[in-house]
Amino acid sequence: MIFLPETISMLNRGLPPISDQQIEDLFRNKKLDLKATIDKVETFSDLDKFRKASDVILTNRMVDELLDIKEKIYSRDLYGES
């Protein structure tokens, strides 16, 4: 998946980047402190800190490293469990 600068900007402004009822409800009804980035080093330099600090994680693919915080994950993973 390619993240366009517009998508990153929308996320950082608290706007849902896709038209999906579940995601739109999440953005509308939860107080989110968002910081979107495509910089893997910034995101995963301290995975434990990232996992603890995140209330919600939007991800393209579910990965094993996030299974223990599955309740925080929102994913449109077509090949795994969403």
PDB file of N, CA and C in Angstrom:
ATOM      1  N   MET A   1       0.839  -1.172   0.000  1.00  0.00           N
ATOM      2  CA  MET A   1       0.000   0.000   0.000  1.00  0.00           C
ATOM      3  C   MET A   1       0.882   1.232   0.000  1.00  0.00           C
ATOM      4  N   ILE A   2       0.548   2.183  -0.816  1.00  0.00           N
ATOM      5  CA  ILE A   2       1.298   3.436  -0.889  1.00  0.00           C
ATOM      6  C   ILE A   2       0.528   4.504  -0.124  1.00  0.00           C
ATOM      7  N   PHE A   3       1.205   5.153   0.790  1.00  0.00           N
ATOM      8  CA  PHE A   3       0.588   6.235   1.543  1.00  0.00           C
ATOM      9  C   PHE A   3       0.966   7.553   0.901  1.00  0.00           C
ATOM     10  N   LEU A   4      -0.017   8.267   0.431  1.00  0.00           N
ATOM     11  CA  LEU A   4       0.202   9.567  -0.167  1.00  0.00           C
ATOM     12  C   LEU A   4       0.331  10.610   0.922  1.00  0.00           C
ATOM     13  N   PRO A   5       1.043  11.689   0.642  1.00  0.00           N
ATOM     14  CA  PRO A   5       1.152  12.757   1.643  1.00  0.00           C
ATOM     15  C   PRO A   5      -0.211  13.259   2.124  1.00  0.00           C
ATOM     16  N   GLU A   6      -1.215  13.260   1.236  1.00  0.00           N
ATOM     17  CA  GLU A   6      -2.557  13.697   1.625  1.00  0.00           C
ATOM     18  C   GLU A   6      -3.152  12.773   2.694  1.00  0.00           C
ATOM     19  N   THR A   7      -2.888  11.470   2.558  1.00  0.00           N
ATOM     20  CA  THR A   7      -3.395  10.505   3.534  1.00  0.00           C
ATOM     21  C   THR A   7      -2.767  10.744   4.899  1.00  0.00           C
ATOM     22  N   ILE A   8      -1.465  10.925   4.921  1.00  0.00           N
ATOM     23  CA  ILE A   8      -0.749  11.190   6.178  1.00  0.00           C
ATOM     24  C   ILE A   8      -1.268  12.483   6.799  1.00  0.00           C
ATOM     25  N   SER A   9      -1.480  13.496   5.981  1.00  0.00           N
ATOM     26  CA  SER A   9      -1.995  14.775   6.467  1.00  0.00           C
ATOM     27  C   SER A   9      -3.394  14.617   7.062  1.00  0.00           C
ATOM     28  N   MET A  10      -4.262  13.873   6.396  1.00  0.00           N
ATOM     29  CA  MET A  10      -5.617  13.649   6.916  1.00  0.00           C
ATOM     30  C   MET A  10      -5.562  12.974   8.278  1.00  0.00           C
ATOM     31  N   LEU A  11      -4.764  11.927   8.405  1.00  0.00           N
ATOM     32  CA  LEU A  11      -4.640  11.223   9.681  1.00  0.00           C
ATOM     33  C   LEU A  11      -4.146  12.152  10.781  1.00  0.00           C
ATOM     34  N   ASN A  12      -3.141  12.945  10.481  1.00  0.00           N
ATOM     35  CA  ASN A  12      -2.582  13.851  11.483  1.00  0.00           C
ATOM     36  C   ASN A  12      -3.537  14.976  11.852  1.00  0.00           C
ATOM     37  N   ARG A  13      -4.543  15.237  11.020  1.00  0.00           N
ATOM     38  CA  ARG A  13      -5.579  16.223  11.335  1.00  0.00           C
ATOM     39  C   ARG A  13      -6.815  15.575  11.952  1.00  0.00           C
ATOM     40  N   GLY A  14      -6.761  14.255  12.178  1.00  0.00           N
ATOM     41  CA  GLY A  14      -7.871  13.559  12.813  1.00  0.00           C
ATOM     42  C   GLY A  14      -9.019  13.228  11.877  1.00  0.00           C
ATOM     43  N   LEU A  15      -8.741  13.148  10.590  1.00  0.00           N
ATOM     44  CA  LEU A  15      -9.767  12.838   9.599  1.00  0.00           C
ATOM     45  C   LEU A  15      -9.567  11.427   9.061  1.00  0.00           C
ATOM     46  N   PRO A  16     -10.641  10.674   8.865  1.00  0.00           N
ATOM     47  CA  PRO A  16     -10.497   9.318   8.316  1.00  0.00           C
ATOM     48  C   PRO A  16     -10.063   9.380   6.854  1.00  0.00           C
ATOM     49  N   PRO A  17      -9.045   8.641   6.486  1.00  0.00           N
ATOM     50  CA  PRO A  17      -8.518   8.704   5.123  1.00  0.00           C
ATOM     51  C   PRO A  17      -9.258   7.814   4.129  1.00  0.00           C
ATOM     52  N   ILE A  18     -10.157   6.969   4.635  1.00  0.00           N
ATOM     53  CA  ILE A  18     -10.915   6.077   3.760  1.00  0.00           C
ATOM     54  C   ILE A  18     -12.389   6.147   4.123  1.00  0.00           C
ATOM     55  N   SER A  19     -13.217   5.789   3.181  1.00  0.00           N
ATOM     56  CA  SER A  19     -14.651   5.757   3.421  1.00  0.00           C
ATOM     57  C   SER A  19     -15.023   4.354   3.890  1.00  0.00           C
ATOM     58  N   ASP A  20     -15.142   4.203   5.206  1.00  0.00           N
ATOM     59  CA  ASP A  20     -15.466   2.927   5.831  1.00  0.00           C
ATOM     60  C   ASP A  20     -16.230   3.255   7.116  1.00  0.00           C
ATOM     61  N   GLN A  21     -17.411   2.708   7.278  1.00  0.00           N
ATOM     62  CA  GLN A  21     -18.268   3.061   8.406  1.00  0.00           C
ATOM     63  C   GLN A  21     -17.591   2.834   9.756  1.00  0.00           C
ATOM     64  N   GLN A  22     -16.915   1.704   9.920  1.00  0.00           N
ATOM     65  CA  GLN A  22     -16.254   1.397  11.194  1.00  0.00           C
ATOM     66  C   GLN A  22     -15.141   2.406  11.490  1.00  0.00           C
ATOM     67  N   ILE A  23     -14.346   2.722  10.486  1.00  0.00           N
ATOM     68  CA  ILE A  23     -13.258   3.693  10.670  1.00  0.00           C
ATOM     69  C   ILE A  23     -13.832   5.083  10.929  1.00  0.00           C
ATOM     70  N   GLU A  24     -14.859   5.473  10.176  1.00  0.00           N
ATOM     71  CA  GLU A  24     -15.472   6.789  10.373  1.00  0.00           C
ATOM     72  C   GLU A  24     -16.063   6.911  11.776  1.00  0.00           C
ATOM     73  N   ASP A  25     -16.715   5.862  12.272  1.00  0.00           N
ATOM     74  CA  ASP A  25     -17.248   5.861  13.638  1.00  0.00           C
ATOM     75  C   ASP A  25     -16.121   5.989  14.663  1.00  0.00           C
ATOM     76  N   LEU A  26     -15.039   5.280  14.427  1.00  0.00           N
ATOM     77  CA  LEU A  26     -13.886   5.357  15.320  1.00  0.00           C
ATOM     78  C   LEU A  26     -13.361   6.785  15.405  1.00  0.00           C
ATOM     79  N   PHE A  27     -13.181   7.431  14.258  1.00  0.00           N
ATOM     80  CA  PHE A  27     -12.666   8.795  14.238  1.00  0.00           C
ATOM     81  C   PHE A  27     -13.656   9.772  14.875  1.00  0.00           C
ATOM     82  N   ARG A  28     -14.933   9.534  14.693  1.00  0.00           N
ATOM     83  CA  ARG A  28     -15.961  10.438  15.194  1.00  0.00           C
ATOM     84  C   ARG A  28     -16.179  10.272  16.705  1.00  0.00           C
ATOM     85  N   ASN A  29     -16.073   9.063  17.225  1.00  0.00           N
ATOM     86  CA  ASN A  29     -16.501   8.781  18.597  1.00  0.00           C
ATOM     87  C   ASN A  29     -15.390   8.539  19.599  1.00  0.00           C
ATOM     88  N   LYS A  30     -14.167   8.419  19.160  1.00  0.00           N
ATOM     89  CA  LYS A  30     -13.055   8.203  20.090  1.00  0.00           C
ATOM     90  C   LYS A  30     -12.149   9.420  20.091  1.00  0.00           C
ATOM     91  N   LYS A  31     -11.642   9.755  21.245  1.00  0.00           N
ATOM     92  CA  LYS A  31     -10.644  10.820  21.320  1.00  0.00           C
ATOM     93  C   LYS A  31      -9.315  10.202  20.905  1.00  0.00           C
ATOM     94  N   LEU A  32      -8.836  10.607  19.741  1.00  0.00           N
ATOM     95  CA  LEU A  32      -7.615  10.029  19.192  1.00  0.00           C
ATOM     96  C   LEU A  32      -6.482  11.046  19.222  1.00  0.00           C
ATOM     97  N   ASP A  33      -5.339  10.619  19.660  1.00  0.00           N
ATOM     98  CA  ASP A  33      -4.120  11.433  19.613  1.00  0.00           C
ATOM     99  C   ASP A  33      -3.269  10.816  18.513  1.00  0.00           C
ATOM    100  N   LEU A  34      -3.427  11.329  17.291  1.00  0.00           N
ATOM    101  CA  LEU A  34      -2.830  10.691  16.120  1.00  0.00           C
ATOM    102  C   LEU A  34      -1.494  11.285  15.743  1.00  0.00           C
ATOM    103  N   LYS A  35      -0.605  10.427  15.314  1.00  0.00           N
ATOM    104  CA  LYS A  35       0.646  10.822  14.686  1.00  0.00           C
ATOM    105  C   LYS A  35       0.923   9.785  13.619  1.00  0.00           C
ATOM    106  N   ALA A  36       0.632  10.133  12.383  1.00  0.00           N
ATOM    107  CA  ALA A  36       0.847   9.219  11.268  1.00  0.00           C
ATOM    108  C   ALA A  36       2.234   9.446  10.685  1.00  0.00           C
ATOM    109  N   THR A  37       2.867   8.360  10.316  1.00  0.00           N
ATOM    110  CA  THR A  37       4.183   8.440   9.698  1.00  0.00           C
ATOM    111  C   THR A  37       4.390   7.210   8.819  1.00  0.00           C
ATOM    112  N   ILE A  38       5.256   7.347   7.846  1.00  0.00           N
ATOM    113  CA  ILE A  38       5.661   6.187   7.048  1.00  0.00           C
ATOM    114  C   ILE A  38       7.127   5.857   7.320  1.00  0.00           C
ATOM    115  N   ASP A  39       7.688   6.530   8.303  1.00  0.00           N
ATOM    116  CA  ASP A  39       9.077   6.308   8.686  1.00  0.00           C
ATOM    117  C   ASP A  39       9.149   5.100   9.616  1.00  0.00           C
ATOM    118  N   LYS A  40       9.584   3.953   9.083  1.00  0.00           N
ATOM    119  CA  LYS A  40       9.636   2.716   9.866  1.00  0.00           C
ATOM    120  C   LYS A  40      10.549   2.850  11.079  1.00  0.00           C
ATOM    121  N   VAL A  41      11.637   3.557  10.943  1.00  0.00           N
ATOM    122  CA  VAL A  41      12.562   3.718  12.066  1.00  0.00           C
ATOM    123  C   VAL A  41      11.882   4.492  13.192  1.00  0.00           C
ATOM    124  N   GLU A  42      11.174   5.550  12.854  1.00  0.00           N
ATOM    125  CA  GLU A  42      10.470   6.344  13.861  1.00  0.00           C
ATOM    126  C   GLU A  42       9.399   5.515  14.564  1.00  0.00           C
ATOM    127  N   THR A  43       8.675   4.712  13.814  1.00  0.00           N
ATOM    128  CA  THR A  43       7.586   3.931  14.369  1.00  0.00           C
ATOM    129  C   THR A  43       8.074   2.770  15.213  1.00  0.00           C
ATOM    130  N   PHE A  44       9.057   2.046  14.743  1.00  0.00           N
ATOM    131  CA  PHE A  44       9.452   0.801  15.389  1.00  0.00           C
ATOM    132  C   PHE A  44      10.787   0.857  16.119  1.00  0.00           C
ATOM    133  N   SER A  45      11.336   2.042  16.353  1.00  0.00           N
ATOM    134  CA  SER A  45      12.602   2.108  17.074  1.00  0.00           C
ATOM    135  C   SER A  45      12.430   1.622  18.514  1.00  0.00           C
ATOM    136  N   ASP A  46      11.259   1.810  19.065  1.00  0.00           N
ATOM    137  CA  ASP A  46      10.955   1.289  20.399  1.00  0.00           C
ATOM    138  C   ASP A  46       9.536   0.721  20.354  1.00  0.00           C
ATOM    139  N   LEU A  47       9.414  -0.514  19.919  1.00  0.00           N
ATOM    140  CA  LEU A  47       8.110  -1.134  19.704  1.00  0.00           C
ATOM    141  C   LEU A  47       7.292  -1.208  20.988  1.00  0.00           C
ATOM    142  N   ASP A  48       7.923  -1.496  22.112  1.00  0.00           N
ATOM    143  CA  ASP A  48       7.178  -1.553  23.375  1.00  0.00           C
ATOM    144  C   ASP A  48       6.562  -0.201  23.716  1.00  0.00           C
ATOM    145  N   LYS A  49       7.315   0.865  23.524  1.00  0.00           N
ATOM    146  CA  LYS A  49       6.797   2.214  23.782  1.00  0.00           C
ATOM    147  C   LYS A  49       5.645   2.522  22.824  1.00  0.00           C
ATOM    148  N   PHE A  50       5.798   2.171  21.564  1.00  0.00           N
ATOM    149  CA  PHE A  50       4.759   2.381  20.555  1.00  0.00           C
ATOM    150  C   PHE A  50       3.474   1.647  20.943  1.00  0.00           C
ATOM    151  N   ARG A  51       3.599   0.396  21.347  1.00  0.00           N
ATOM    152  CA  ARG A  51       2.435  -0.418  21.707  1.00  0.00           C
ATOM    153  C   ARG A  51       1.726   0.142  22.936  1.00  0.00           C
ATOM    154  N   LYS A  52       2.466   0.582  23.921  1.00  0.00           N
ATOM    155  CA  LYS A  52       1.868   1.127  25.141  1.00  0.00           C
ATOM    156  C   LYS A  52       1.239   2.502  24.902  1.00  0.00           C
ATOM    157  N   ALA A  53       1.872   3.301  24.066  1.00  0.00           N
ATOM    158  CA  ALA A  53       1.407   4.669  23.828  1.00  0.00           C
ATOM    159  C   ALA A  53       0.208   4.735  22.890  1.00  0.00           C
ATOM    160  N   SER A  54      -0.026   3.684  22.125  1.00  0.00           N
ATOM    161  CA  SER A  54      -1.073   3.698  21.107  1.00  0.00           C
ATOM    162  C   SER A  54      -2.403   3.187  21.651  1.00  0.00           C
ATOM    163  N   ASP A  55      -3.433   4.001  21.469  1.00  0.00           N
ATOM    164  CA  ASP A  55      -4.788   3.560  21.807  1.00  0.00           C
ATOM    165  C   ASP A  55      -5.389   2.781  20.642  1.00  0.00           C
ATOM    166  N   VAL A  56      -5.065   3.206  19.443  1.00  0.00           N
ATOM    167  CA  VAL A  56      -5.574   2.600  18.211  1.00  0.00           C
ATOM    168  C   VAL A  56      -4.432   2.531  17.213  1.00  0.00           C
ATOM    169  N   ILE A  57      -4.344   1.409  16.523  1.00  0.00           N
ATOM    170  CA  ILE A  57      -3.325   1.249  15.487  1.00  0.00           C
ATOM    171  C   ILE A  57      -4.024   0.848  14.196  1.00  0.00           C
ATOM    172  N   LEU A  58      -3.882   1.677  13.172  1.00  0.00           N
ATOM    173  CA  LEU A  58      -4.394   1.363  11.839  1.00  0.00           C
ATOM    174  C   LEU A  58      -3.262   0.725  11.065  1.00  0.00           C
ATOM    175  N   THR A  59      -3.493  -0.450  10.539  1.00  0.00           N
ATOM    176  CA  THR A  59      -2.432  -1.149   9.834  1.00  0.00           C
ATOM    177  C   THR A  59      -2.972  -1.828   8.589  1.00  0.00           C
ATOM    178  N   ASN A  60      -2.134  -1.883   7.590  1.00  0.00           N
ATOM    179  CA  ASN A  60      -2.507  -2.548   6.352  1.00  0.00           C
ATOM    180  C   ASN A  60      -2.483  -4.061   6.517  1.00  0.00           C
ATOM    181  N   ARG A  61      -1.541  -4.561   7.275  1.00  0.00           N
ATOM    182  CA  ARG A  61      -1.398  -5.998   7.506  1.00  0.00           C
ATOM    183  C   ARG A  61      -1.207  -6.259   8.995  1.00  0.00           C
ATOM    184  N   MET A  62      -1.834  -7.304   9.473  1.00  0.00           N
ATOM    185  CA  MET A  62      -1.631  -7.744  10.853  1.00  0.00           C
ATOM    186  C   MET A  62      -0.297  -8.479  10.915  1.00  0.00           C
ATOM    187  N   VAL A  63       0.493  -8.179  11.935  1.00  0.00           N
ATOM    188  CA  VAL A  63       1.792  -8.832  12.110  1.00  0.00           C
ATOM    189  C   VAL A  63       1.852  -9.462  13.492  1.00  0.00           C
ATOM    190  N   ASP A  64       2.652 -10.492  13.625  1.00  0.00           N
ATOM    191  CA  ASP A  64       2.762 -11.234  14.887  1.00  0.00           C
ATOM    192  C   ASP A  64       3.148 -10.337  16.061  1.00  0.00           C
ATOM    193  N   GLU A  65       3.964  -9.317  15.811  1.00  0.00           N
ATOM    194  CA  GLU A  65       4.430  -8.435  16.884  1.00  0.00           C
ATOM    195  C   GLU A  65       3.293  -7.654  17.546  1.00  0.00           C
ATOM    196  N   LEU A  66       2.119  -7.603  16.910  1.00  0.00           N
ATOM    197  CA  LEU A  66       1.000  -6.849  17.459  1.00  0.00           C
ATOM    198  C   LEU A  66      -0.140  -7.734  17.965  1.00  0.00           C
ATOM    199  N   LEU A  67       0.033  -9.036  17.914  1.00  0.00           N
ATOM    200  CA  LEU A  67      -1.047  -9.954  18.308  1.00  0.00           C
ATOM    201  C   LEU A  67      -1.476  -9.781  19.762  1.00  0.00           C
ATOM    202  N   ASP A  68      -0.558  -9.446  20.648  1.00  0.00           N
ATOM    203  CA  ASP A  68      -0.917  -9.315  22.060  1.00  0.00           C
ATOM    204  C   ASP A  68      -1.697  -8.036  22.358  1.00  0.00           C
ATOM    205  N   ILE A  69      -1.797  -7.130  21.391  1.00  0.00           N
ATOM    206  CA  ILE A  69      -2.607  -5.919  21.548  1.00  0.00           C
ATOM    207  C   ILE A  69      -3.652  -5.844  20.430  1.00  0.00           C
ATOM    208  N   LYS A  70      -4.143  -6.999  20.048  1.00  0.00           N
ATOM    209  CA  LYS A  70      -5.081  -7.120  18.932  1.00  0.00           C
ATOM    210  C   LYS A  70      -6.312  -6.223  19.104  1.00  0.00           C
ATOM    211  N   GLU A  71      -6.735  -5.986  20.342  1.00  0.00           N
ATOM    212  CA  GLU A  71      -7.913  -5.155  20.578  1.00  0.00           C
ATOM    213  C   GLU A  71      -7.702  -3.699  20.162  1.00  0.00           C
ATOM    214  N   LYS A  72      -6.460  -3.287  19.973  1.00  0.00           N
ATOM    215  CA  LYS A  72      -6.156  -1.921  19.524  1.00  0.00           C
ATOM    216  C   LYS A  72      -6.048  -1.808  18.000  1.00  0.00           C
ATOM    217  N   ILE A  73      -6.082  -2.932  17.307  1.00  0.00           N
ATOM    218  CA  ILE A  73      -5.790  -2.970  15.876  1.00  0.00           C
ATOM    219  C   ILE A  73      -7.049  -2.830  15.041  1.00  0.00           C
ATOM    220  N   TYR A  74      -6.977  -1.961  14.050  1.00  0.00           N
ATOM    221  CA  TYR A  74      -7.982  -1.864  12.995  1.00  0.00           C
ATOM    222  C   TYR A  74      -7.246  -2.102  11.686  1.00  0.00           C
ATOM    223  N   SER A  75      -7.660  -3.138  10.981  1.00  0.00           N
ATOM    224  CA  SER A  75      -6.947  -3.537   9.771  1.00  0.00           C
ATOM    225  C   SER A  75      -7.934  -3.962   8.702  1.00  0.00           C
ATOM    226  N   ARG A  76      -7.578  -3.743   7.460  1.00  0.00           N
ATOM    227  CA  ARG A  76      -8.346  -4.227   6.324  1.00  0.00           C
ATOM    228  C   ARG A  76      -7.562  -5.363   5.663  1.00  0.00           C
ATOM    229  N   ASP A  77      -6.863  -6.129   6.471  1.00  0.00           N
ATOM    230  CA  ASP A  77      -6.037  -7.228   5.985  1.00  0.00           C
ATOM    231  C   ASP A  77      -6.919  -8.277   5.322  1.00  0.00           C
ATOM    232  N   LEU A  78      -6.795  -8.411   4.044  1.00  0.00           N
ATOM    233  CA  LEU A  78      -7.620  -9.355   3.291  1.00  0.00           C
ATOM    234  C   LEU A  78      -7.128 -10.780   3.396  1.00  0.00           C
ATOM    235  N   TYR A  79      -5.894 -10.967   3.847  1.00  0.00           N
ATOM    236  CA  TYR A  79      -5.285 -12.283   3.841  1.00  0.00           C
ATOM    237  C   TYR A  79      -5.128 -12.881   5.226  1.00  0.00           C
ATOM    238  N   GLY A  80      -5.250 -12.070   6.233  1.00  0.00           N
ATOM    239  CA  GLY A  80      -5.119 -12.568   7.606  1.00  0.00           C
ATOM    240  C   GLY A  80      -6.376 -12.232   8.376  1.00  0.00           C
ATOM    241  N   GLU A  81      -6.271 -12.275   9.668  1.00  0.00           N
ATOM    242  CA  GLU A  81      -7.407 -11.911  10.517  1.00  0.00           C
ATOM    243  C   GLU A  81      -7.407 -10.412  10.711  1.00  0.00           C
ATOM    244  N   SER A  82      -8.546  -9.797  10.479  1.00  0.00           N
ATOM    245  CA  SER A  82      -8.660  -8.340  10.656  1.00  0.00           C
ATOM    246  C   SER A  82      -9.218  -8.014  12.009  1.00  0.00           C
TER     247      SER A  82
END
